[in-house]
C-alpha atoms as a PDB file:
ATOM      1  CA  MET A   1      -6.623 -19.129  13.334  1.00  0.00           C
ATOM      2  CA  THR A   2      -7.226 -17.409  16.662  1.00  0.00           C
ATOM      3  CA  LEU A   3      -6.194 -13.644  17.036  1.00  0.00           C
ATOM      4  CA  LYS A   4      -3.629 -14.742  19.553  1.00  0.00           C
ATOM      5  CA  GLN A   5      -2.303 -17.533  17.217  1.00  0.00           C
ATOM      6  CA  LEU A   6      -2.010 -14.951  14.342  1.00  0.00           C
ATOM      7  CA  LYS A   7      -0.171 -12.399  16.307  1.00  0.00           C
ATOM      8  CA  SER A   8       2.245 -15.179  17.478  1.00  0.00           C
ATOM      9  CA  LYS A   9       3.074 -16.152  13.981  1.00  0.00           C
ATOM     10  CA  LEU A  10       3.722 -12.778  12.820  1.00  0.00           C
ATOM     11  CA  GLN A  11       5.841 -11.506  15.856  1.00  0.00           C
ATOM     12  CA  ASN A  12       9.296 -10.699  14.492  1.00  0.00           C
ATOM     13  CA  SER A  13       8.576 -13.054  11.293  1.00  0.00           C
ATOM     14  CA  LYS A  14      10.826 -12.287   8.320  1.00  0.00           C
ATOM     15  CA  VAL A  15       8.359 -13.725   6.178  1.00  0.00           C
ATOM     16  CA  LEU A  16       4.474 -14.202   6.090  1.00  0.00           C
ATOM     17  CA  SER A  17       4.285 -17.938   6.843  1.00  0.00           C
ATOM     18  CA  ASP A  18       2.034 -20.311   4.682  1.00  0.00           C
ATOM     19  CA  GLU A  19      -0.475 -20.294   7.411  1.00  0.00           C
ATOM     20  CA  VAL A  20      -0.695 -16.580   7.487  1.00  0.00           C
ATOM     21  CA  LEU A  21      -0.965 -16.550   3.973  1.00  0.00           C
ATOM     22  CA  THR A  22      -3.704 -19.103   3.882  1.00  0.00           C
ATOM     23  CA  TRP A  23      -5.562 -17.173   6.450  1.00  0.00           C
ATOM     24  CA  ILE A  24      -5.451 -13.991   4.161  1.00  0.00           C
ATOM     25  CA  THR A  25      -6.732 -15.841   1.044  1.00  0.00           C
ATOM     26  CA  GLN A  26      -9.572 -17.403   3.329  1.00  0.00           C
ATOM     27  CA  GLN A  27     -10.640 -13.888   4.331  1.00  0.00           C
ATOM     28  CA  ASN A  28     -10.224 -12.807   0.694  1.00  0.00           C
ATOM     29  CA  TYR A  29      -8.306  -9.683   1.771  1.00  0.00           C
ATOM     30  CA  TRP A  30      -6.257  -9.620  -1.430  1.00  0.00           C
ATOM     31  CA  ASN A  31      -9.564  -8.749  -3.062  1.00  0.00           C
ATOM     32  CA  LEU A  32     -10.571  -6.088  -0.551  1.00  0.00           C
ATOM     33  CA  TRP A  33     -11.724  -3.862  -3.473  1.00  0.00           C
ATOM     34  CA  VAL A  34     -12.238  -6.211  -6.294  1.00  0.00           C
ATOM     35  CA  PRO A  35     -16.053  -6.497  -7.586  1.00  0.00           C
ATOM     36  CA  LYS A  36     -18.027  -9.475  -6.517  1.00  0.00           C
ATOM     37  CA  SER A  37     -18.425 -10.351 -10.076  1.00  0.00           C
ATOM     38  CA  TYR A  38     -14.717 -11.163  -9.990  1.00  0.00           C
ATOM     39  CA  ASN A  39     -15.103 -13.066  -6.583  1.00  0.00           C
ATOM     40  CA  GLY A  40     -14.067  -9.976  -4.600  1.00  0.00           C
ATOM     41  CA  LEU A  41     -15.282  -8.312  -1.285  1.00  0.00           C
ATOM     42  CA  GLU A  42     -16.181  -5.233  -3.189  1.00  0.00           C
ATOM     43  CA  LYS A  43     -15.938  -3.116  -0.097  1.00  0.00           C
ATOM     44  CA  SER A  44     -16.904   0.638   0.028  1.00  0.00           C
ATOM     45  CA  LEU A  45     -13.968   3.129   0.805  1.00  0.00           C
ATOM     46  CA  THR A  46     -14.967   3.600   4.514  1.00  0.00           C
ATOM     47  CA  ALA A  47     -15.469  -0.243   5.148  1.00  0.00           C
ATOM     48  CA  GLY A  48     -12.162  -1.025   3.485  1.00  0.00           C
ATOM     49  CA  LEU A  49     -10.120   1.576   5.541  1.00  0.00           C
ATOM     50  CA  LYS A  50     -11.607   0.044   8.755  1.00  0.00           C
ATOM     51  CA  ILE A  51     -10.462  -3.473   7.926  1.00  0.00           C
ATOM     52  CA  LEU A  52      -6.916  -2.363   6.822  1.00  0.00           C
ATOM     53  CA  GLN A  53      -6.584  -0.315  10.125  1.00  0.00           C
ATOM     54  CA  SER A  54      -7.628  -3.201  11.949  1.00  0.00           C
ATOM     55  CA  LEU A  55      -5.095  -5.431  10.249  1.00  0.00           C
ATOM     56  CA  ALA A  56      -2.245  -2.893  10.912  1.00  0.00           C
ATOM     57  CA  LYS A  57      -3.012  -2.689  14.639  1.00  0.00           C
ATOM     58  CA  ILE A  58      -2.756  -6.479  14.748  1.00  0.00           C
ATOM     59  CA  ASN A  59       0.693  -6.446  12.931  1.00  0.00           C
ATOM     60  CA  GLY A  60       2.432  -3.580  10.881  1.00  0.00           C
ATOM     61  CA  SER A  61       3.724  -6.130   8.261  1.00  0.00           C
ATOM     62  CA  LEU A  62       0.457  -7.780   8.037  1.00  0.00           C
ATOM     63  CA  GLY A  63      -1.486  -4.571   7.644  1.00  0.00           C
ATOM     64  CA  TRP A  64       1.029  -3.078   5.130  1.00  0.00           C
ATOM     65  CA  THR A  65       1.222  -6.189   2.929  1.00  0.00           C
ATOM     66  CA  ILE A  66      -2.306  -6.332   2.686  1.00  0.00           C
ATOM     67  CA  THR A  67      -2.854  -2.736   2.011  1.00  0.00           C
ATOM     68  CA  LEU A  68      -0.330  -2.642  -0.876  1.00  0.00           C
ATOM     69  CA  CYS A  69      -1.204  -5.816  -2.560  1.00  0.00           C
ATOM     70  CA  SER A  70      -4.829  -5.248  -2.448  1.00  0.00           C
ATOM     71  CA  GLY A  71      -4.101  -1.537  -3.605  1.00  0.00           C
ATOM     72  CA  ALA A  72      -2.519  -3.443  -6.547  1.00  0.00           C
ATOM     73  CA  ASN A  73      -5.258  -5.685  -7.228  1.00  0.00           C
ATOM     74  CA  PHE A  74      -7.336  -2.367  -7.407  1.00  0.00           C
ATOM     75  CA  PHE A  75      -5.951  -2.191 -10.723  1.00  0.00           C
ATOM     76  CA  ILE A  76      -8.492  -4.509 -11.929  1.00  0.00           C
ATOM     77  CA  GLY A  77     -10.436  -1.137 -12.416  1.00  0.00           C
ATOM     78  CA  ASN A  78      -7.938   0.204 -14.866  1.00  0.00           C
ATOM     79  CA  MET A  79      -7.154  -3.056 -16.739  1.00  0.00           C
ATOM     80  CA  LYS A  80      -8.734  -3.639 -20.226  1.00  0.00           C
ATOM     81  CA  PRO A  81     -11.841  -6.073 -19.521  1.00  0.00           C
ATOM     82  CA  GLU A  82     -10.622  -8.997 -21.581  1.00  0.00           C
ATOM     83  CA  PHE A  83      -7.139  -8.894 -19.758  1.00  0.00           C
ATOM     84  CA  ALA A  84      -8.832  -8.455 -16.245  1.00  0.00           C
ATOM     85  CA  GLN A  85     -10.641 -11.534 -16.809  1.00  0.00           C
ATOM     86  CA  LYS A  86      -7.644 -13.562 -17.871  1.00  0.00           C
ATOM     87  CA  VAL A  87      -5.904 -12.227 -14.579  1.00  0.00           C
ATOM     88  CA  PHE A  88      -8.705 -12.569 -12.133  1.00  0.00           C
ATOM     89  CA  GLU A  89     -10.910 -15.482 -13.611  1.00  0.00           C
ATOM     90  CA  THR A  90      -8.698 -18.214 -13.057  1.00  0.00           C
ATOM     91  CA  LYS A  91      -8.048 -21.099 -10.689  1.00  0.00           C
ATOM     92  CA  GLU A  92      -5.298 -19.308  -8.920  1.00  0.00           C
ATOM     93  CA  ASN A  93      -5.949 -16.557  -6.540  1.00  0.00           C
ATOM     94  CA  PRO A  94      -4.185 -13.485  -8.110  1.00  0.00           C
ATOM     95  CA  ILE A  95      -2.108 -11.466  -5.759  1.00  0.00           C
ATOM     96  CA  LEU A  96      -0.562  -8.365  -7.387  1.00  0.00           C
ATOM     97  CA  GLY A  97       1.993  -6.044  -6.166  1.00  0.00           C
ATOM     98  CA  GLY A  98       4.850  -3.909  -7.432  1.00  0.00           C
ATOM     99  CA  SER A  99       6.703  -0.736  -7.774  1.00  0.00           C
ATOM    100  CA  GLY A 100       5.242   2.965  -7.796  1.00  0.00           C
ATOM    101  CA  GLY A 101       8.580   4.244  -9.367  1.00  0.00           C
ATOM    102  CA  VAL A 102       9.506   4.641 -12.966  1.00  0.00           C
ATOM    103  CA  PHE A 103      12.847   2.704 -12.945  1.00  0.00           C
ATOM    104  CA  GLY A 104      12.958   1.254 -16.234  1.00  0.00           C
ATOM    105  CA  THR A 105      12.175   1.234 -19.984  1.00  0.00           C
ATOM    106  CA  ALA A 106       9.575  -0.156 -22.486  1.00  0.00           C
ATOM    107  CA  GLU A 107      10.688   0.062 -25.872  1.00  0.00           C
ATOM    108  CA  LYS A 108       7.625   0.047 -28.262  1.00  0.00           C
ATOM    109  CA  GLN A 109       7.390  -2.881 -31.011  1.00  0.00           C
ATOM    110  CA  GLU A 110       4.472  -2.612 -32.974  1.00  0.00           C
ATOM    111  CA  GLU A 111       1.756  -4.233 -30.542  1.00  0.00           C
ATOM    112  CA  ASN A 112       4.384  -5.158 -28.070  1.00  0.00           C
ATOM    113  CA  TYR A 113       6.733  -3.667 -25.496  1.00  0.00           C
ATOM    114  CA  LEU A 114      10.437  -4.842 -24.625  1.00  0.00           C
ATOM    115  CA  LEU A 115      10.845  -4.046 -20.881  1.00  0.00           C
ATOM    116  CA  ASN A 116      14.130  -3.661 -19.286  1.00  0.00           C
ATOM    117  CA  GLY A 117      15.086  -2.170 -15.549  1.00  0.00           C
ATOM    118  CA  ILE A 118      15.192  -2.962 -11.917  1.00  0.00           C
ATOM    119  CA  TRP A 119      12.331  -1.851  -9.920  1.00  0.00           C
ATOM    120  CA  ARG A 120      12.450  -1.388  -6.393  1.00  0.00           C
ATOM    121  CA  TYR A 121      10.204  -1.683  -3.426  1.00  0.00           C
ATOM    122  CA  ALA A 122       7.686  -4.439  -4.378  1.00  0.00           C
ATOM    123  CA  THR A 123       5.758  -5.251  -1.052  1.00  0.00           C
ATOM    124  CA  GLY A 124       5.079  -9.066  -0.812  1.00  0.00           C
ATOM    125  CA  ALA A 125       7.477  -9.818  -3.580  1.00  0.00           C
ATOM    126  CA  PRO A 126       7.635 -13.504  -2.759  1.00  0.00           C
ATOM    127  CA  TYR A 127       3.989 -13.937  -2.352  1.00  0.00           C
ATOM    128  CA  LEU A 128       2.906 -12.298  -5.644  1.00  0.00           C
ATOM    129  CA  THR A 129       1.421 -13.908  -8.819  1.00  0.00           C
ATOM    130  CA  HIS A 130       1.809 -10.866 -10.718  1.00  0.00           C
ATOM    131  CA  PHE A 131       4.169  -7.708 -10.815  1.00  0.00           C
ATOM    132  CA  THR A 132       2.993  -4.286 -11.586  1.00  0.00           C
ATOM    133  CA  LEU A 133       5.511  -1.427 -12.782  1.00  0.00           C
ATOM    134  CA  ASN A 134       5.889   1.881 -14.429  1.00  0.00           C
ATOM    135  CA  ALA A 135       8.067   2.251 -17.231  1.00  0.00           C
ATOM    136  CA  LYS A 136       9.163   5.210 -19.722  1.00  0.00           C
ATOM    137  CA  ILE A 137       7.959   4.383 -23.408  1.00  0.00           C
ATOM    138  CA  THR A 138      10.736   4.441 -25.851  1.00  0.00           C
ATOM    139  CA  GLU A 139      10.785   3.849 -29.549  1.00  0.00           C
ATOM    140  CA  ASN A 140      13.986   3.306 -31.409  1.00  0.00           C
ATOM    141  CA  GLY A 141      15.894   4.306 -28.270  1.00  0.00           C
ATOM    142  CA  THR A 142      14.165   7.714 -27.943  1.00  0.00           C
ATOM    143  CA  THR A 143      11.737   8.578 -24.932  1.00  0.00           C
ATOM    144  CA  LEU A 144       8.434   9.386 -26.297  1.00  0.00           C
ATOM    145  CA  LYS A 145       6.320  12.310 -24.931  1.00  0.00           C
ATOM    146  CA  ASP A 146       2.781  12.652 -23.762  1.00  0.00           C
ATOM    147  CA  GLU A 147       0.381  15.324 -24.824  1.00  0.00           C
ATOM    148  CA  ASN A 148       1.746  17.774 -22.015  1.00  0.00           C
ATOM    149  CA  GLY A 149       5.374  17.076 -23.213  1.00  0.00           C
ATOM    150  CA  ALA A 150       6.496  15.091 -20.473  1.00  0.00           C
ATOM    151  CA  ASP A 151       7.995  11.751 -20.719  1.00  0.00           C
ATOM    152  CA  LYS A 152       5.280   9.155 -21.542  1.00  0.00           C
ATOM    153  CA  ILE A 153       4.734   6.741 -18.906  1.00  0.00           C
ATOM    154  CA  LEU A 154       2.692   3.533 -19.114  1.00  0.00           C
ATOM    155  CA  SER A 155       1.902   0.988 -16.365  1.00  0.00           C
ATOM    156  CA  PHE A 156       2.366  -2.905 -16.950  1.00  0.00           C
ATOM    157  CA  VAL A 157       1.204  -6.128 -15.395  1.00  0.00           C
ATOM    158  CA  LEU A 158       3.513  -8.919 -15.635  1.00  0.00           C
ATOM    159  CA  PRO A 159       3.095 -12.763 -14.371  1.00  0.00           C
ATOM    160  CA  LYS A 160       5.882 -13.675 -11.795  1.00  0.00           C
ATOM    161  CA  ASN A 161       7.693 -15.960 -14.211  1.00  0.00           C
ATOM    162  CA  LYS A 162       8.752 -12.725 -16.087  1.00  0.00           C
ATOM    163  CA  VAL A 163      10.464 -11.366 -13.326  1.00  0.00           C
ATOM    164  CA  GLU A 164      13.613 -11.876 -11.278  1.00  0.00           C
ATOM    165  CA  ILE A 165      13.035 -11.144  -7.458  1.00  0.00           C
ATOM    166  CA  ILE A 166      16.255  -9.383  -5.907  1.00  0.00           C
ATOM    167  CA  GLU A 167      16.041 -10.534  -2.134  1.00  0.00           C
ATOM    168  CA  ASP A 168      17.457  -6.992  -0.907  1.00  0.00           C
ATOM    169  CA  TRP A 169      14.931  -5.872   1.842  1.00  0.00           C
ATOM    170  CA  ASN A 170      17.180  -5.261   4.814  1.00  0.00           C
ATOM    171  CA  THR A 171      15.200  -2.910   6.930  1.00  0.00           C
ATOM    172  CA  MET A 172      14.868  -2.453  10.913  1.00  0.00           C
ATOM    173  CA  GLY A 173      10.790  -2.913  10.345  1.00  0.00           C
ATOM    174  CA  LEU A 174       7.974  -4.254   8.221  1.00  0.00           C
ATOM    175  CA  LYS A 175      10.435  -7.338   7.516  1.00  0.00           C
ATOM    176  CA  ALA A 176       7.674  -9.770   6.670  1.00  0.00           C
ATOM    177  CA  THR A 177       6.207  -7.502   3.899  1.00  0.00           C
ATOM    178  CA  ALA A 178       9.424  -8.617   1.916  1.00  0.00           C
ATOM    179  CA  THR A 179       9.378  -5.631   0.010  1.00  0.00           C
ATOM    180  CA  CYS A 180      11.995  -6.531  -2.463  1.00  0.00           C
ATOM    181  CA  SER A 181      13.300  -5.246  -5.855  1.00  0.00           C
ATOM    182  CA  PHE A 182      12.775  -6.972  -9.059  1.00  0.00           C
ATOM    183  CA  ASN A 183      14.537  -7.198 -12.344  1.00  0.00           C
ATOM    184  CA  VAL A 184      13.049  -7.519 -15.715  1.00  0.00           C
ATOM    185  CA  LYS A 185      15.507  -8.139 -18.679  1.00  0.00           C
ATOM    186  CA  ASP A 186      14.378  -8.144 -22.336  1.00  0.00           C
ATOM    187  CA  VAL A 187      10.788  -9.300 -21.584  1.00  0.00           C
ATOM    188  CA  LEU A 188       8.378  -8.804 -24.459  1.00  0.00           C
ATOM    189  CA  ILE A 189       4.798  -7.936 -23.280  1.00  0.00           C
ATOM    190  CA  ALA A 190       1.663  -7.258 -24.957  1.00  0.00           C
ATOM    191  CA  GLU A 191      -0.302  -3.983 -25.371  1.00  0.00           C
ATOM    192  CA  GLU A 192      -2.982  -5.549 -23.293  1.00  0.00           C
ATOM    193  CA  ASN A 193      -0.873  -5.821 -20.213  1.00  0.00           C
ATOM    194  CA  THR A 194      -0.783  -2.093 -20.062  1.00  0.00           C
ATOM    195  CA  PHE A 195      -2.997   0.306 -18.090  1.00  0.00           C
ATOM    196  CA  VAL A 196      -3.101   4.149 -16.889  1.00  0.00           C
ATOM    197  CA  TYR A 197      -3.799   5.298 -13.340  1.00  0.00           C
ATOM    198  CA  ASN A 198      -7.351   6.949 -13.074  1.00  0.00           C
ATOM    199  CA  HIS A 199      -8.435   5.499 -16.292  1.00  0.00           C
ATOM    200  CA  PHE A 200     -11.252   2.931 -15.362  1.00  0.00           C
ATOM    201  CA  TYR A 201     -13.266   0.424 -17.153  1.00  0.00           C
ATOM    202  CA  LEU A 202     -15.514  -0.506 -14.043  1.00  0.00           C
ATOM    203  CA  SER A 203     -18.493   1.123 -12.955  1.00  0.00           C
ATOM    204  CA  GLN A 204     -18.114   0.452  -9.141  1.00  0.00           C
ATOM    205  CA  GLU A 205     -18.101   3.656  -7.036  1.00  0.00           C
ATOM    206  CA  ILE A 206     -14.524   2.842  -5.532  1.00  0.00           C
ATOM    207  CA  PHE A 207     -13.023   2.964  -9.012  1.00  0.00           C
ATOM    208  CA  LYS A 208     -14.101   6.657  -9.293  1.00  0.00           C
ATOM    209  CA  ILE A 209     -11.791   7.845  -6.560  1.00  0.00           C
ATOM    210  CA  ASP A 210      -8.848   9.721  -7.563  1.00  0.00           C
ATOM    211  CA  PHE A 211      -5.797   7.288  -6.904  1.00  0.00           C
ATOM    212  CA  SER A 212      -3.849   9.871  -5.101  1.00  0.00           C
ATOM    213  CA  ALA A 213      -6.556  10.198  -2.230  1.00  0.00           C
ATOM    214  CA  PHE A 214      -7.112   6.511  -2.429  1.00  0.00           C
ATOM    215  CA  ALA A 215      -3.332   5.712  -1.912  1.00  0.00           C
ATOM    216  CA  ASP A 216      -3.214   8.471   0.946  1.00  0.00           C
ATOM    217  CA  LEU A 217      -6.066   7.179   2.776  1.00  0.00           C
ATOM    218  CA  THR A 218      -5.085   3.354   2.460  1.00  0.00           C
ATOM    219  CA  LEU A 219      -1.646   3.962   3.743  1.00  0.00           C
ATOM    220  CA  MET A 220      -2.776   6.531   6.476  1.00  0.00           C
ATOM    221  CA  VAL A 221      -4.862   3.760   8.203  1.00  0.00           C
ATOM    222  CA  ASN A 222      -2.071   1.785   8.500  1.00  0.00           C
ATOM    223  CA  TYR A 223      -0.138   4.440  10.525  1.00  0.00           C
ATOM    224  CA  LEU A 224      -3.133   4.696  12.548  1.00  0.00           C
ATOM    225  CA  GLY A 225      -3.265   1.082  13.268  1.00  0.00           C
ATOM    226  CA  MET A 226       0.234   0.739  14.239  1.00  0.00           C
ATOM    227  CA  VAL A 227       0.098   3.866  16.549  1.00  0.00           C
ATOM    228  CA  GLU A 228      -3.082   2.457  18.120  1.00  0.00           C
ATOM    229  CA  HIS A 229      -1.227  -0.674  18.810  1.00  0.00           C
ATOM    230  CA  TYR A 230       1.869   1.185  20.181  1.00  0.00           C
ATOM    231  CA  LEU A 231      -0.493   2.987  22.828  1.00  0.00           C
ATOM    232  CA  GLU A 232      -2.140   0.118  23.779  1.00  0.00           C
ATOM    233  CA  GLU A 233       1.202  -1.721  24.413  1.00  0.00           C
ATOM    234  CA  SER A 234       2.566   1.439  26.109  1.00  0.00           C
ATOM    235  CA  LYS A 235      -0.336   1.672  28.601  1.00  0.00           C
ATOM    236  CA  LYS A 236       0.712  -1.612  29.833  1.00  0.00           C
ATOM    237  CA  GLU A 237       4.155  -0.377  30.915  1.00  0.00           C
ATOM    238  CA  ILE A 238       3.777   3.300  31.924  1.00  0.00           C
ATOM    239  CA  ASN A 239       1.032   5.823  33.070  1.00  0.00           C
ATOM    240  CA  HIS A 240       2.427   9.197  31.615  1.00  0.00           C
ATOM    241  CA  SER A 241       0.680  12.246  30.783  1.00  0.00           C
ATOM    242  CA  VAL A 242       2.416  12.059  27.154  1.00  0.00           C
ATOM    243  CA  LEU A 243       0.313   8.943  26.537  1.00  0.00           C
ATOM    244  CA  LYS A 244      -2.768  11.232  26.569  1.00  0.00           C
ATOM    245  CA  THR A 245      -1.468  13.630  24.320  1.00  0.00           C
ATOM    246  CA  LEU A 246      -0.877  10.544  21.720  1.00  0.00           C
ATOM    247  CA  GLU A 247      -4.431   9.172  22.629  1.00  0.00           C
ATOM    248  CA  ASN A 248      -6.029  12.888  21.845  1.00  0.00           C
ATOM    249  CA  SER A 249      -3.859  12.762  18.508  1.00  0.00           C
ATOM    250  CA  LEU A 250      -5.140   9.583  17.370  1.00  0.00           C
ATOM    251  CA  GLN A 251      -8.748  10.368  17.914  1.00  0.00           C
ATOM    252  CA  LYS A 252      -8.390  13.725  15.905  1.00  0.00           C
ATOM    253  CA  ALA A 253      -6.550  11.657  13.097  1.00  0.00           C
ATOM    254  CA  ASN A 254      -9.153   8.995  13.106  1.00  0.00           C
ATOM    255  CA  SER A 255     -12.113  11.409  12.824  1.00  0.00           C
ATOM    256  CA  GLN A 256     -10.463  13.286  10.162  1.00  0.00           C
ATOM    257  CA  VAL A 257      -9.664  10.245   8.060  1.00  0.00           C
ATOM    258  CA  TYR A 258     -13.218   9.068   8.081  1.00  0.00           C
ATOM    259  CA  ILE A 259     -14.607  12.436   7.587  1.00  0.00           C
ATOM    260  CA  PHE A 260     -12.423  12.575   4.253  1.00  0.00           C
ATOM    261  CA  ALA A 261     -13.582   9.202   3.268  1.00  0.00           C
ATOM    262  CA  GLU A 262     -17.402   9.784   3.777  1.00  0.00           C
ATOM    263  CA  GLU A 263     -16.824  13.293   1.895  1.00  0.00           C
ATOM    264  CA  ILE A 264     -15.540  11.324  -1.085  1.00  0.00           C
ATOM    265  CA  GLU A 265     -17.985   8.789  -1.016  1.00  0.00           C
ATOM    266  CA  LYS A 266     -20.856  11.377  -0.729  1.00  0.00           C
ATOM    267  CA  ARG A 267     -19.419  13.378  -3.624  1.00  0.00           C
ATOM    268  CA  ILE A 268     -19.131  10.129  -5.658  1.00  0.00           C
ATOM    269  CA  SER A 269     -22.436   9.004  -5.218  1.00  0.00           C
ATOM    270  CA  GLN A 270     -23.854  12.389  -6.101  1.00  0.00           C
ATOM    271  CA  ASN A 271     -21.438  12.526  -9.210  1.00  0.00           C
ATOM    272  CA  ASN A 272     -19.896  15.476  -8.051  1.00  0.00           C
ATOM    273  CA  LYS A 273     -16.065  16.085  -8.948  1.00  0.00           C
ATOM    274  CA  ILE A 274     -13.173  15.618  -6.447  1.00  0.00           C
ATOM    275  CA  GLU A 275     -11.379  19.063  -6.564  1.00  0.00           C
ATOM    276  CA  GLU A 276      -7.724  19.231  -6.443  1.00  0.00           C
ATOM    277  CA  GLU A 277      -8.164  21.506  -3.148  1.00  0.00           C
ATOM    278  CA  LEU A 278      -9.771  18.427  -1.438  1.00  0.00           C
ATOM    279  CA  LEU A 279      -6.889  15.919  -2.760  1.00  0.00           C
ATOM    280  CA  GLN A 280      -4.256  18.491  -1.499  1.00  0.00           C
ATOM    281  CA  ASN A 281      -6.040  19.042   1.824  1.00  0.00           C
ATOM    282  CA  ILE A 282      -6.171  15.101   2.385  1.00  0.00           C
ATOM    283  CA  HIS A 283      -2.426  14.607   1.534  1.00  0.00           C
ATOM    284  CA  GLN A 284      -1.054  17.579   3.620  1.00  0.00           C
ATOM    285  CA  THR A 285      -3.379  16.735   6.622  1.00  0.00           C
ATOM    286  CA  CYS A 286      -2.223  13.005   6.615  1.00  0.00           C
ATOM    287  CA  SER A 287       1.482  14.131   6.291  1.00  0.00           C
ATOM    288  CA  ARG A 288       0.912  16.373   9.332  1.00  0.00           C
ATOM    289  CA  PHE A 289      -0.600  13.377  11.144  1.00  0.00           C
ATOM    290  CA  ILE A 290       2.356  11.338  10.512  1.00  0.00           C
ATOM    291  CA  LEU A 291       4.654  13.959  11.481  1.00  0.00           C
ATOM    292  CA  ASP A 292       3.021  14.395  14.645  1.00  0.00           C
ATOM    293  CA  PHE A 293       2.703  10.520  15.415  1.00  0.00           C
ATOM    294  CA  SER A 294       6.374  10.256  14.871  1.00  0.00           C
ATOM    295  CA  ALA A 295       7.409  13.021  17.162  1.00  0.00           C
ATOM    296  CA  LEU A 296       5.149  11.494  20.089  1.00  0.00           C
ATOM    297  CA  LEU A 297       6.571   8.020  19.643  1.00  0.00           C
ATOM    298  CA  ILE A 298      10.061   9.478  20.029  1.00  0.00           C
ATOM    299  CA  LYS A 299       9.276  11.178  22.944  1.00  0.00           C
ATOM    300  CA  ILE A 300       7.445   8.338  24.668  1.00  0.00           C
ATOM    301  CA  HIS A 301       9.824   5.696  23.897  1.00  0.00           C
ATOM    302  CA  PRO A 302      12.598   6.527  26.256  1.00  0.00           C
ATOM    303  CA  PHE A 303      10.082   6.061  29.104  1.00  0.00           C
ATOM    304  CA  LEU A 304       9.332   2.557  28.199  1.00  0.00           C
ATOM    305  CA  GLY A 305      12.453   0.957  29.644  1.00  0.00           C
ATOM    306  CA  MET A 306      14.599  -1.923  28.546  1.00  0.00           C
ATOM    307  CA  LYS A 307      11.491  -4.008  27.739  1.00  0.00           C
ATOM    308  CA  ALA A 308      10.796  -1.563  24.692  1.00  0.00           C
ATOM    309  CA  ALA A 309      14.559  -2.027  23.467  1.00  0.00           C
ATOM    310  CA  ARG A 310      14.417  -5.803  23.427  1.00  0.00           C
ATOM    311  CA  ILE A 311      13.896  -7.047  19.979  1.00  0.00           C
ATOM    312  CA  ASN A 312      11.269  -9.630  20.892  1.00  0.00           C
ATOM    313  CA  HIS A 313       9.009  -7.276  22.582  1.00  0.00           C
ATOM    314  CA  PRO A 314       5.969  -5.952  20.620  1.00  0.00           C
ATOM    315  CA  LEU A 315       6.697  -2.186  21.409  1.00  0.00           C
ATOM    316  CA  ASN A 316      10.009  -2.577  19.720  1.00  0.00           C
ATOM    317  CA  GLN A 317       8.682  -4.143  16.511  1.00  0.00           C
ATOM    318  CA  ILE A 318       5.733  -1.719  16.316  1.00  0.00           C
ATOM    319  CA  PHE A 319       8.267   1.136  16.813  1.00  0.00           C
ATOM    320  CA  ARG A 320      10.574  -0.405  13.949  1.00  0.00           C
ATOM    321  CA  ASP A 321       7.688  -1.068  11.869  1.00  0.00           C
ATOM    322  CA  TYR A 322       6.078   2.529  12.131  1.00  0.00           C
ATOM    323  CA  PHE A 323       9.401   4.314  11.506  1.00  0.00           C
ATOM    324  CA  THR A 324      10.063   2.050   8.302  1.00  0.00           C
ATOM    325  CA  ALA A 325       6.546   2.712   6.962  1.00  0.00           C
ATOM    326  CA  THR A 326       6.998   6.460   7.449  1.00  0.00           C
ATOM    327  CA  GLN A 327       9.686   6.263   4.558  1.00  0.00           C
ATOM    328  CA  HIS A 328       7.176   5.355   2.049  1.00  0.00           C
ATOM    329  CA  HIS A 329       7.670   7.798  -0.810  1.00  0.00           C
ATOM    330  CA  ASN A 330       4.169   8.982  -0.890  1.00  0.00           C
ATOM    331  CA  PHE A 331       4.683  10.915   2.110  1.00  0.00           C
ATOM    332  CA  VAL A 332       8.419  11.489   2.298  1.00  0.00           C
ATOM    333  CA  LYS A 333       8.515  13.439  -0.981  1.00  0.00           C
ATOM    334  CA  ARG A 334       6.754  16.424   0.517  1.00  0.00           C
ATOM    335  CA  LYS A 335       7.242  16.205   4.009  1.00  0.00           C
ATOM    336  CA  SER A 336      10.466  18.365   3.969  1.00  0.00           C
ATOM    337  CA  ASN A 337       8.053  21.224   3.080  1.00  0.00           C
ATOM    338  CA  LEU A 338       6.349  20.966   6.411  1.00  0.00           C
ATOM    339  CA  LYS A 339       7.390  22.513   9.615  1.00  0.00           C
ATOM    340  CA  ALA A 340       7.460  20.092  12.642  1.00  0.00           C
END
């Protein structure tokens, strides 16, 4: 499939077509971070970020879906080795995805858990082979506590036949991500299906990265890609000084994001700890760039005329995709503390 054909199939699409899904599988992008021993691409952080950014520049839904689903396949590093083999060493190409929220409960029953709840925002829900979710652990109806006195939470991997997809993704943008809710009712799941963030069983350097930094940077390159696409399309319509401001902001953000990525890779290769200060700096810097991009796109859009107001124009779709993406909880939860 040529780039032109790919863009055409993605323009204002409500789902990723079978042709697009086949193309993603052929490129092995679902397994961007998965080790080669499990038939993955085993990309470094920097190399993987560049791929995700290029995909988001092609189309927001394409980049976002691959980012979130390859990010869920990344959990292979957190899975118990025997269970990881069951999931990834099959004839079926595993595509994981799910919810980052804690929307349900898991009642402990000897070596099993009884799961109940409705989880929101599972990117790529119709395309998934397995769903991931976080749940509060209860026993005899009482929520258990961890060593710090907080509610005990575990993450789970469920095959798709254990969940009911709720088709409730009615947003203005990122439509083809099909980020639906899903219902889990009285599903008994084994202990082996559980995992814990930042507890890794695999030795590859990608799995030594703190998950908060991994999430921040993989999401951030999607904003970069979409804004790059917006700038490219805007230049076809207008020649305005505000485009130069956006261009400068993009250059600065691109440079800083990859400085962060290279610094993380350097520290990991030297077996140095990634301090909380660096993690906070990454998050706050990415949050600031997103706020800056948002302000600039809002400033530019009125100059683009009726073309940018038409649903079938690329500028309109990029605008809707970008501002839908800005509502991801990873950056929404703290951006209210930042001054515009």
